[in-house]
Amino acid sequence: MRFTKAHGTGNDFVVVGDLEDTWKPNEGFVRAVCDRHFGVGADGVIRIAPAGDAFFMDYWNADGTTAEMCGNGVRVVGKWLADRGVIAGATASIETRGGRKQVELTRAADGTVSEVRVDMGPPILDAASIPVRADDPQHVLLEHDGRSFDAICVSMGNPHAILFVDALDQVPFEQLGPVFEGHAAFPARTNVEFVERIGTDHLRMRVFERGVGETLACGTGACAVGVAASLRGLTGRTVTIDLPGGTLRIEWAEHVFLTGPALEVFEGELPSTLTGLL
């Protein structure tokens, strides 16, 4: 089984093309492949399969659970399809568990895709659909060890809890991330973003992803943060967000648009010790 190691702003994936739709991932396989010591190492596995007039991003978190959506993953899928000539032109349709996404591809001088803009659809702001157990999803009180945070919750096809802080470096991120991911307020667990405002159109964030832990970037998280910052009056509707793995650009009109790089690192072949788990 051939694979590609790819990433979007440091959020890395093992990508396998399955254009004949002949196999399905499972928890054991995904966990083994994503193990950074005994496998390839990644935040998740992406299987690319046909989906009628589009392609399906079958995304699995490193812990072997499926996810509705992955903004960095969608960009990687667009690049994978275009660079191999599976699709032509500057646009593509990609199905996800969170709905169909339209992508616009920017090509470098050598013809390969260097940047992808994704129509992520409208943000979901009602409590039941996010989901979050709260009367007002824009003000959800999260408490731990004597500290209180006023979280704003947004779904971009998957749930996010955004916490704005004065100084990102002073937040005990490693402690609070897993606590809030599994907080009782979130029936499906949640992704957690801690965010510092740098300027009127500039934010800095760290993310603890549901089912993965801290990642260098999260595309849906950046979109949710852009929406949350605008709702709180901290920024306008166009914002640059710095993450540990790089920078993403967010625009919120009726839909949210995510723009960022997509890169491939290397290709290889999975050994039978891993494929035998399928």
C-alpha atoms as a PDB file:
ATOM      1  CA  MET A   1       0.000   0.000   0.000  1.00  0.00           C
ATOM      2  CA  ARG A   2       1.560   3.259  -1.178  1.00  0.00           C
ATOM      3  CA  PHE A   3       1.169   6.363   0.978  1.00  0.00           C
ATOM      4  CA  THR A   4       2.122  10.023   1.000  1.00  0.00           C
ATOM      5  CA  LYS A   5       3.221  11.908   4.107  1.00  0.00           C
ATOM      6  CA  ALA A   6       1.800  15.428   3.840  1.00  0.00           C
ATOM      7  CA  HIS A   7       0.936  18.373   6.037  1.00  0.00           C
ATOM      8  CA  GLY A   8      -0.893  21.680   6.157  1.00  0.00           C
ATOM      9  CA  THR A   9       0.924  24.168   8.414  1.00  0.00           C
ATOM     10  CA  GLY A  10       2.444  21.293  10.368  1.00  0.00           C
ATOM     11  CA  ASN A  11      -0.799  19.343  10.858  1.00  0.00           C
ATOM     12  CA  ASP A  12       0.460  16.081   9.346  1.00  0.00           C
ATOM     13  CA  PHE A  13      -1.233  13.120   7.717  1.00  0.00           C
ATOM     14  CA  VAL A  14      -0.635   9.749   6.146  1.00  0.00           C
ATOM     15  CA  VAL A  15      -2.559   9.955   2.863  1.00  0.00           C
ATOM     16  CA  VAL A  16      -3.566   6.874   0.890  1.00  0.00           C
ATOM     17  CA  GLY A  17      -5.310   7.065  -2.473  1.00  0.00           C
ATOM     18  CA  ASP A  18      -8.086   4.456  -2.781  1.00  0.00           C
ATOM     19  CA  LEU A  19      -9.721   5.566  -6.003  1.00  0.00           C
ATOM     20  CA  GLU A  20     -11.168   2.094  -6.544  1.00  0.00           C
ATOM     21  CA  ASP A  21     -12.769   2.189  -3.056  1.00  0.00           C
ATOM     22  CA  THR A  22     -11.430  -1.257  -2.097  1.00  0.00           C
ATOM     23  CA  TRP A  23     -10.602  -1.017   1.618  1.00  0.00           C
ATOM     24  CA  LYS A  24     -11.636   0.649   4.865  1.00  0.00           C
ATOM     25  CA  PRO A  25      -9.445   1.881   7.749  1.00  0.00           C
ATOM     26  CA  ASN A  26     -10.019   0.674  11.284  1.00  0.00           C
ATOM     27  CA  GLU A  27      -8.943   1.821  14.724  1.00  0.00           C
ATOM     28  CA  GLY A  28      -6.017  -0.569  15.099  1.00  0.00           C
ATOM     29  CA  PHE A  29      -4.577   0.248  11.688  1.00  0.00           C
ATOM     30  CA  VAL A  30      -4.885   4.009  12.182  1.00  0.00           C
ATOM     31  CA  ARG A  31      -3.347   3.993  15.652  1.00  0.00           C
ATOM     32  CA  ALA A  32      -0.408   1.892  14.448  1.00  0.00           C
ATOM     33  CA  VAL A  33       0.261   4.001  11.355  1.00  0.00           C
ATOM     34  CA  CYS A  34       0.059   7.270  13.309  1.00  0.00           C
ATOM     35  CA  ASP A  35       2.380   6.096  16.097  1.00  0.00           C
ATOM     36  CA  ARG A  36       5.413   8.399  15.946  1.00  0.00           C
ATOM     37  CA  HIS A  37       7.801   5.766  17.302  1.00  0.00           C
ATOM     38  CA  PHE A  38       6.636   2.505  15.716  1.00  0.00           C
ATOM     39  CA  GLY A  39       4.649   3.714  12.694  1.00  0.00           C
ATOM     40  CA  VAL A  40       4.933   6.464  10.107  1.00  0.00           C
ATOM     41  CA  GLY A  41       3.786   9.111  12.579  1.00  0.00           C
ATOM     42  CA  ALA A  42       0.932  11.548  11.945  1.00  0.00           C
ATOM     43  CA  ASP A  43      -1.986  13.434  13.430  1.00  0.00           C
ATOM     44  CA  GLY A  44      -4.325  11.370  11.289  1.00  0.00           C
ATOM     45  CA  VAL A  45      -4.910   9.072   8.312  1.00  0.00           C
ATOM     46  CA  ILE A  46      -6.695  10.235   5.169  1.00  0.00           C
ATOM     47  CA  ARG A  47      -8.125   7.755   2.684  1.00  0.00           C
ATOM     48  CA  ILE A  48      -9.122   9.394  -0.617  1.00  0.00           C
ATOM     49  CA  ALA A  49     -12.036   7.571  -2.230  1.00  0.00           C
ATOM     50  CA  PRO A  50     -14.516   8.278  -5.044  1.00  0.00           C
ATOM     51  CA  ALA A  51     -17.813   9.980  -4.176  1.00  0.00           C
ATOM     52  CA  GLY A  52     -19.978  10.326  -7.284  1.00  0.00           C
ATOM     53  CA  ASP A  53     -18.888  13.518  -9.041  1.00  0.00           C
ATOM     54  CA  ALA A  54     -16.463  14.350  -6.215  1.00  0.00           C
ATOM     55  CA  PHE A  55     -13.956  12.671  -3.896  1.00  0.00           C
ATOM     56  CA  PHE A  56     -14.393  11.604  -0.283  1.00  0.00           C
ATOM     57  CA  MET A  57     -11.910  12.532   2.440  1.00  0.00           C
ATOM     58  CA  ASP A  58     -12.174   9.569   4.820  1.00  0.00           C
ATOM     59  CA  TYR A  59     -10.450  11.179   7.796  1.00  0.00           C
ATOM     60  CA  TRP A  60      -9.357   9.342  10.964  1.00  0.00           C
ATOM     61  CA  ASN A  61      -7.781  10.886  14.062  1.00  0.00           C
ATOM     62  CA  ALA A  62      -4.574   9.410  15.444  1.00  0.00           C
ATOM     63  CA  ASP A  63      -6.507   7.674  18.251  1.00  0.00           C
ATOM     64  CA  GLY A  64      -8.529   5.678  15.716  1.00  0.00           C
ATOM     65  CA  THR A  65     -11.720   7.744  15.846  1.00  0.00           C
ATOM     66  CA  THR A  66     -13.289   9.358  12.812  1.00  0.00           C
ATOM     67  CA  ALA A  67     -13.718  13.122  12.484  1.00  0.00           C
ATOM     68  CA  GLU A  68     -16.376  15.088  10.662  1.00  0.00           C
ATOM     69  CA  MET A  69     -13.986  17.538   9.083  1.00  0.00           C
ATOM     70  CA  CYS A  70     -10.335  18.636   8.879  1.00  0.00           C
ATOM     71  CA  GLY A  71      -9.531  21.927   7.181  1.00  0.00           C
ATOM     72  CA  ASN A  72      -5.818  21.227   6.781  1.00  0.00           C
ATOM     73  CA  GLY A  73      -6.651  17.745   5.507  1.00  0.00           C
ATOM     74  CA  VAL A  74      -8.992  19.070   2.817  1.00  0.00           C
ATOM     75  CA  ARG A  75      -6.200  21.254   1.455  1.00  0.00           C
ATOM     76  CA  VAL A  76      -3.848  18.261   1.364  1.00  0.00           C
ATOM     77  CA  VAL A  77      -6.459  16.192  -0.486  1.00  0.00           C
ATOM     78  CA  GLY A  78      -6.888  18.934  -3.085  1.00  0.00           C
ATOM     79  CA  LYS A  79      -3.141  19.012  -3.672  1.00  0.00           C
ATOM     80  CA  TRP A  80      -2.868  15.207  -3.841  1.00  0.00           C
ATOM     81  CA  LEU A  81      -5.584  14.972  -6.501  1.00  0.00           C
ATOM     82  CA  ALA A  82      -4.295  17.881  -8.605  1.00  0.00           C
ATOM     83  CA  ASP A  83      -0.604  17.008  -8.489  1.00  0.00           C
ATOM     84  CA  ARG A  84      -1.351  13.488  -9.760  1.00  0.00           C
ATOM     85  CA  GLY A  85      -3.600  14.646 -12.567  1.00  0.00           C
ATOM     86  CA  VAL A  86      -6.714  13.063 -11.064  1.00  0.00           C
ATOM     87  CA  ILE A  87      -8.391  16.439 -11.353  1.00  0.00           C
ATOM     88  CA  ALA A  88      -7.656  19.262 -13.786  1.00  0.00           C
ATOM     89  CA  GLY A  89      -8.275  22.946 -13.487  1.00  0.00           C
ATOM     90  CA  ALA A  90      -8.269  25.204 -10.471  1.00  0.00           C
ATOM     91  CA  THR A  91     -11.212  23.870  -8.449  1.00  0.00           C
ATOM     92  CA  ALA A  92     -12.389  20.612  -6.907  1.00  0.00           C
ATOM     93  CA  SER A  93     -15.240  19.221  -4.814  1.00  0.00           C
ATOM     94  CA  ILE A  94     -14.383  17.146  -1.755  1.00  0.00           C
ATOM     95  CA  GLU A  95     -16.935  15.295   0.343  1.00  0.00           C
ATOM     96  CA  THR A  96     -16.361  15.040   4.092  1.00  0.00           C
ATOM     97  CA  ARG A  97     -18.417  13.750   6.988  1.00  0.00           C
ATOM     98  CA  GLY A  98     -19.148  17.423   7.634  1.00  0.00           C
ATOM     99  CA  GLY A  99     -20.493  18.062   4.133  1.00  0.00           C
ATOM    100  CA  ARG A 100     -19.129  18.920   0.696  1.00  0.00           C
ATOM    101  CA  LYS A 101     -16.287  21.457   0.483  1.00  0.00           C
ATOM    102  CA  GLN A 102     -15.218  23.422  -2.589  1.00  0.00           C
ATOM    103  CA  VAL A 103     -11.510  24.143  -2.955  1.00  0.00           C
ATOM    104  CA  GLU A 104      -9.579  26.612  -5.126  1.00  0.00           C
ATOM    105  CA  LEU A 105      -6.043  25.593  -6.058  1.00  0.00           C
ATOM    106  CA  THR A 106      -3.051  27.884  -6.506  1.00  0.00           C
ATOM    107  CA  ARG A 107      -0.186  26.353  -8.462  1.00  0.00           C
ATOM    108  CA  ALA A 108       3.533  27.079  -8.210  1.00  0.00           C
ATOM    109  CA  ALA A 109       5.771  27.665 -11.242  1.00  0.00           C
ATOM    110  CA  ASP A 110       6.378  23.903 -11.572  1.00  0.00           C
ATOM    111  CA  GLY A 111       2.633  23.224 -11.794  1.00  0.00           C
ATOM    112  CA  THR A 112       2.228  21.662  -8.362  1.00  0.00           C
ATOM    113  CA  VAL A 113      -0.292  23.055  -5.898  1.00  0.00           C
ATOM    114  CA  SER A 114       1.244  25.315  -3.264  1.00  0.00           C
ATOM    115  CA  GLU A 115      -1.793  26.880  -1.604  1.00  0.00           C
ATOM    116  CA  VAL A 116      -5.467  26.000  -1.288  1.00  0.00           C
ATOM    117  CA  ARG A 117      -8.506  28.113  -0.428  1.00  0.00           C
ATOM    118  CA  VAL A 118     -11.434  26.171   1.019  1.00  0.00           C
ATOM    119  CA  ASP A 119     -15.070  27.194   1.270  1.00  0.00           C
ATOM    120  CA  MET A 120     -15.746  25.792   4.723  1.00  0.00           C
ATOM    121  CA  GLY A 121     -19.440  26.687   4.690  1.00  0.00           C
ATOM    122  CA  PRO A 122     -21.291  28.752   7.303  1.00  0.00           C
ATOM    123  CA  PRO A 123     -20.391  28.474  10.982  1.00  0.00           C
ATOM    124  CA  ILE A 124     -22.821  26.617  13.241  1.00  0.00           C
ATOM    125  CA  LEU A 125     -23.693  28.702  16.297  1.00  0.00           C
ATOM    126  CA  ASP A 126     -26.706  27.067  17.974  1.00  0.00           C
ATOM    127  CA  ALA A 127     -25.998  24.980  21.053  1.00  0.00           C
ATOM    128  CA  ALA A 128     -27.750  21.764  20.047  1.00  0.00           C
ATOM    129  CA  SER A 129     -25.978  21.542  16.697  1.00  0.00           C
ATOM    130  CA  ILE A 130     -22.463  22.345  17.955  1.00  0.00           C
ATOM    131  CA  PRO A 131     -23.172  20.427  20.356  1.00  0.00           C
ATOM    132  CA  VAL A 132     -22.721  22.087  23.754  1.00  0.00           C
ATOM    133  CA  ARG A 133     -24.823  21.931  26.905  1.00  0.00           C
ATOM    134  CA  ALA A 134     -25.338  25.649  27.459  1.00  0.00           C
ATOM    135  CA  ASP A 135     -28.093  28.250  27.265  1.00  0.00           C
ATOM    136  CA  ASP A 136     -25.761  30.641  25.445  1.00  0.00           C
ATOM    137  CA  PRO A 137     -23.001  28.989  23.390  1.00  0.00           C
ATOM    138  CA  GLN A 138     -21.230  32.344  23.104  1.00  0.00           C
ATOM    139  CA  HIS A 139     -20.629  32.390  26.845  1.00  0.00           C
ATOM    140  CA  VAL A 140     -19.863  28.978  28.340  1.00  0.00           C
ATOM    141  CA  LEU A 141     -18.183  29.037  31.740  1.00  0.00           C
ATOM    142  CA  LEU A 142     -15.380  26.479  32.016  1.00  0.00           C
ATOM    143  CA  GLU A 143     -13.675  26.136  35.395  1.00  0.00           C
ATOM    144  CA  HIS A 144     -10.676  24.154  36.552  1.00  0.00           C
ATOM    145  CA  ASP A 145      -8.405  24.391  39.573  1.00  0.00           C
ATOM    146  CA  GLY A 146      -9.649  27.810  40.623  1.00  0.00           C
ATOM    147  CA  ARG A 147      -9.504  29.369  37.150  1.00  0.00           C
ATOM    148  CA  SER A 148     -12.526  30.364  35.065  1.00  0.00           C
ATOM    149  CA  PHE A 149     -12.713  30.834  31.301  1.00  0.00           C
ATOM    150  CA  ASP A 150     -15.548  32.352  29.276  1.00  0.00           C
ATOM    151  CA  ALA A 151     -15.550  30.093  26.228  1.00  0.00           C
ATOM    152  CA  ILE A 152     -17.331  30.751  22.971  1.00  0.00           C
ATOM    153  CA  CYS A 153     -18.422  27.610  21.116  1.00  0.00           C
ATOM    154  CA  VAL A 154     -18.590  27.258  17.338  1.00  0.00           C
ATOM    155  CA  SER A 155     -18.919  24.288  15.012  1.00  0.00           C
ATOM    156  CA  MET A 156     -17.315  24.148  11.588  1.00  0.00           C
ATOM    157  CA  GLY A 157     -18.726  20.663  11.047  1.00  0.00           C
ATOM    158  CA  ASN A 158     -16.920  19.638  14.242  1.00  0.00           C
ATOM    159  CA  PRO A 159     -17.133  21.284  17.691  1.00  0.00           C
ATOM    160  CA  HIS A 160     -14.749  23.943  19.013  1.00  0.00           C
ATOM    161  CA  ALA A 161     -14.449  25.759  22.323  1.00  0.00           C
ATOM    162  CA  ILE A 162     -12.487  29.001  21.983  1.00  0.00           C
ATOM    163  CA  LEU A 163     -10.920  30.687  25.013  1.00  0.00           C
ATOM    164  CA  PHE A 164      -9.425  34.160  24.611  1.00  0.00           C
ATOM    165  CA  VAL A 165      -6.533  34.901  26.967  1.00  0.00           C
ATOM    166  CA  ASP A 166      -4.294  37.887  27.654  1.00  0.00           C
ATOM    167  CA  ALA A 167      -1.005  35.999  27.316  1.00  0.00           C
ATOM    168  CA  LEU A 168      -0.928  32.650  25.544  1.00  0.00           C
ATOM    169  CA  ASP A 169       2.470  31.716  26.958  1.00  0.00           C
ATOM    170  CA  GLN A 170       1.168  31.985  30.520  1.00  0.00           C
ATOM    171  CA  VAL A 171      -1.700  29.511  30.076  1.00  0.00           C
ATOM    172  CA  PRO A 172      -1.129  25.927  31.360  1.00  0.00           C
ATOM    173  CA  PHE A 173      -2.147  24.597  27.953  1.00  0.00           C
ATOM    174  CA  GLU A 174      -0.954  21.011  28.434  1.00  0.00           C
ATOM    175  CA  GLN A 175      -3.051  20.714  31.596  1.00  0.00           C
ATOM    176  CA  LEU A 176      -6.209  22.507  30.476  1.00  0.00           C
ATOM    177  CA  GLY A 177      -6.448  21.111  26.934  1.00  0.00           C
ATOM    178  CA  PRO A 178      -7.377  17.533  27.829  1.00  0.00           C
ATOM    179  CA  VAL A 179      -9.540  18.664  30.770  1.00  0.00           C
ATOM    180  CA  PHE A 180     -11.723  20.889  28.596  1.00  0.00           C
ATOM    181  CA  GLU A 181     -11.776  18.454  25.655  1.00  0.00           C
ATOM    182  CA  GLY A 182     -13.725  16.010  27.795  1.00  0.00           C
ATOM    183  CA  HIS A 183     -15.670  18.577  29.861  1.00  0.00           C
ATOM    184  CA  ALA A 184     -19.254  17.655  30.730  1.00  0.00           C
ATOM    185  CA  ALA A 185     -20.489  20.610  28.676  1.00  0.00           C
ATOM    186  CA  PHE A 186     -19.490  18.809  25.473  1.00  0.00           C
ATOM    187  CA  PRO A 187     -21.479  15.622  24.788  1.00  0.00           C
ATOM    188  CA  ALA A 188     -19.310  14.754  21.754  1.00  0.00           C
ATOM    189  CA  ARG A 189     -16.109  16.128  23.346  1.00  0.00           C
ATOM    190  CA  THR A 190     -14.600  19.199  21.700  1.00  0.00           C
ATOM    191  CA  ASN A 191     -11.534  20.743  20.133  1.00  0.00           C
ATOM    192  CA  VAL A 192     -10.068  23.427  22.388  1.00  0.00           C
ATOM    193  CA  GLU A 193      -8.397  26.632  21.197  1.00  0.00           C
ATOM    194  CA  PHE A 194      -6.555  29.146  23.376  1.00  0.00           C
ATOM    195  CA  VAL A 195      -6.200  32.486  21.587  1.00  0.00           C
ATOM    196  CA  GLU A 196      -4.273  35.721  22.121  1.00  0.00           C
ATOM    197  CA  ARG A 197      -5.170  38.908  20.243  1.00  0.00           C
ATOM    198  CA  ILE A 198      -2.151  40.479  18.549  1.00  0.00           C
ATOM    199  CA  GLY A 199      -3.992  43.192  16.649  1.00  0.00           C
ATOM    200  CA  THR A 200      -7.273  44.109  14.984  1.00  0.00           C
ATOM    201  CA  ASP A 201      -6.676  41.578  12.209  1.00  0.00           C
ATOM    202  CA  HIS A 202      -4.103  39.307  13.816  1.00  0.00           C
ATOM    203  CA  LEU A 203      -4.435  36.438  16.313  1.00  0.00           C
ATOM    204  CA  ARG A 204      -2.187  33.767  17.791  1.00  0.00           C
ATOM    205  CA  MET A 205      -3.517  30.379  18.898  1.00  0.00           C
ATOM    206  CA  ARG A 206      -2.720  26.907  20.181  1.00  0.00           C
ATOM    207  CA  VAL A 207      -5.069  23.990  19.704  1.00  0.00           C
ATOM    208  CA  PHE A 208      -5.772  20.756  21.542  1.00  0.00           C
ATOM    209  CA  GLU A 209      -7.525  18.561  19.006  1.00  0.00           C
ATOM    210  CA  ARG A 210     -10.165  16.058  20.000  1.00  0.00           C
ATOM    211  CA  GLY A 211      -8.772  12.566  19.632  1.00  0.00           C
ATOM    212  CA  VAL A 212      -5.224  13.747  18.869  1.00  0.00           C
ATOM    213  CA  GLY A 213      -3.858  16.168  21.478  1.00  0.00           C
ATOM    214  CA  GLU A 214      -1.903  19.297  20.627  1.00  0.00           C
ATOM    215  CA  THR A 215      -1.287  19.754  16.917  1.00  0.00           C
ATOM    216  CA  LEU A 216       0.767  22.382  15.121  1.00  0.00           C
ATOM    217  CA  ALA A 217      -2.345  23.639  13.324  1.00  0.00           C
ATOM    218  CA  CYS A 218      -6.072  23.026  12.942  1.00  0.00           C
ATOM    219  CA  GLY A 219      -7.933  24.402   9.936  1.00  0.00           C
ATOM    220  CA  THR A 220     -11.450  24.085  11.326  1.00  0.00           C
ATOM    221  CA  GLY A 221     -10.125  25.472  14.610  1.00  0.00           C
ATOM    222  CA  ALA A 222      -8.670  28.523  12.888  1.00  0.00           C
ATOM    223  CA  CYS A 223     -12.017  29.098  11.151  1.00  0.00           C
ATOM    224  CA  ALA A 224     -13.894  28.794  14.442  1.00  0.00           C
ATOM    225  CA  VAL A 225     -11.435  31.198  16.075  1.00  0.00           C
ATOM    226  CA  GLY A 226     -11.908  33.737  13.284  1.00  0.00           C
ATOM    227  CA  VAL A 227     -15.678  33.598  13.732  1.00  0.00           C
ATOM    228  CA  ALA A 228     -15.416  33.792  17.534  1.00  0.00           C
ATOM    229  CA  ALA A 229     -13.054  36.766  17.455  1.00  0.00           C
ATOM    230  CA  SER A 230     -15.420  38.669  15.182  1.00  0.00           C
ATOM    231  CA  LEU A 231     -18.424  37.837  17.364  1.00  0.00           C
ATOM    232  CA  ARG A 232     -16.542  39.108  20.417  1.00  0.00           C
ATOM    233  CA  GLY A 233     -15.601  42.320  18.603  1.00  0.00           C
ATOM    234  CA  LEU A 234     -11.884  41.576  18.810  1.00  0.00           C
ATOM    235  CA  THR A 235     -11.284  41.567  15.047  1.00  0.00           C
ATOM    236  CA  GLY A 236     -13.071  42.164  11.802  1.00  0.00           C
ATOM    237  CA  ARG A 237     -14.158  39.337   9.516  1.00  0.00           C
ATOM    238  CA  THR A 238     -10.773  38.911   7.834  1.00  0.00           C
ATOM    239  CA  VAL A 239      -7.958  37.773  10.070  1.00  0.00           C
ATOM    240  CA  THR A 240      -4.481  36.233   9.988  1.00  0.00           C
ATOM    241  CA  ILE A 241      -3.879  33.529  12.566  1.00  0.00           C
ATOM    242  CA  ASP A 242      -0.441  32.376  13.697  1.00  0.00           C
ATOM    243  CA  LEU A 243      -0.190  28.744  14.815  1.00  0.00           C
ATOM    244  CA  PRO A 244       2.896  26.793  15.897  1.00  0.00           C
ATOM    245  CA  GLY A 245       3.081  25.254  12.405  1.00  0.00           C
ATOM    246  CA  GLY A 246       2.557  28.399  10.366  1.00  0.00           C
ATOM    247  CA  THR A 247      -0.027  30.967   9.330  1.00  0.00           C
ATOM    248  CA  LEU A 248      -3.597  30.621   8.057  1.00  0.00           C
ATOM    249  CA  ARG A 249      -5.896  33.280   6.617  1.00  0.00           C
ATOM    250  CA  ILE A 250      -9.592  33.348   7.489  1.00  0.00           C
ATOM    251  CA  GLU A 251     -12.401  35.297   5.825  1.00  0.00           C
ATOM    252  CA  TRP A 252     -15.957  35.216   7.145  1.00  0.00           C
ATOM    253  CA  ALA A 253     -18.655  36.401   4.756  1.00  0.00           C
ATOM    254  CA  GLU A 254     -21.803  34.267   4.783  1.00  0.00           C
ATOM    255  CA  HIS A 255     -19.447  31.296   4.536  1.00  0.00           C
ATOM    256  CA  VAL A 256     -16.030  30.956   6.131  1.00  0.00           C
ATOM    257  CA  PHE A 257     -13.025  30.682   3.794  1.00  0.00           C
ATOM    258  CA  LEU A 258      -9.736  29.109   4.863  1.00  0.00           C
ATOM    259  CA  THR A 259      -6.516  29.740   2.918  1.00  0.00           C
ATOM    260  CA  GLY A 260      -3.173  28.111   3.602  1.00  0.00           C
ATOM    261  CA  PRO A 261      -0.370  25.922   2.258  1.00  0.00           C
ATOM    262  CA  ALA A 262      -0.411  22.210   1.475  1.00  0.00           C
ATOM    263  CA  LEU A 263       2.889  20.314   1.289  1.00  0.00           C
ATOM    264  CA  GLU A 264       4.007  16.759   0.644  1.00  0.00           C
ATOM    265  CA  VAL A 265       7.071  15.481   2.520  1.00  0.00           C
ATOM    266  CA  PHE A 266       7.734  12.004   1.149  1.00  0.00           C
ATOM    267  CA  GLU A 267       6.137   8.866  -0.289  1.00  0.00           C
ATOM    268  CA  GLY A 268       6.561   5.285   0.815  1.00  0.00           C
ATOM    269  CA  GLU A 269       5.026   1.843   1.113  1.00  0.00           C
ATOM    270  CA  LEU A 270       3.368   0.533   4.252  1.00  0.00           C
ATOM    271  CA  PRO A 271       4.777  -2.812   5.418  1.00  0.00           C
ATOM    272  CA  SER A 272       2.665  -5.903   6.006  1.00  0.00           C
ATOM    273  CA  THR A 273       2.980  -5.395   9.768  1.00  0.00           C
ATOM    274  CA  LEU A 274       0.675  -2.395   9.285  1.00  0.00           C
ATOM    275  CA  THR A 275      -1.492  -3.430   6.333  1.00  0.00           C
ATOM    276  CA  GLY A 276      -2.083  -6.761   8.063  1.00  0.00           C
ATOM    277  CA  LEU A 277      -4.189  -4.888  10.616  1.00  0.00           C
ATOM    278  CA  LEU A 278      -6.830  -4.096   7.992  1.00  0.00           C
END
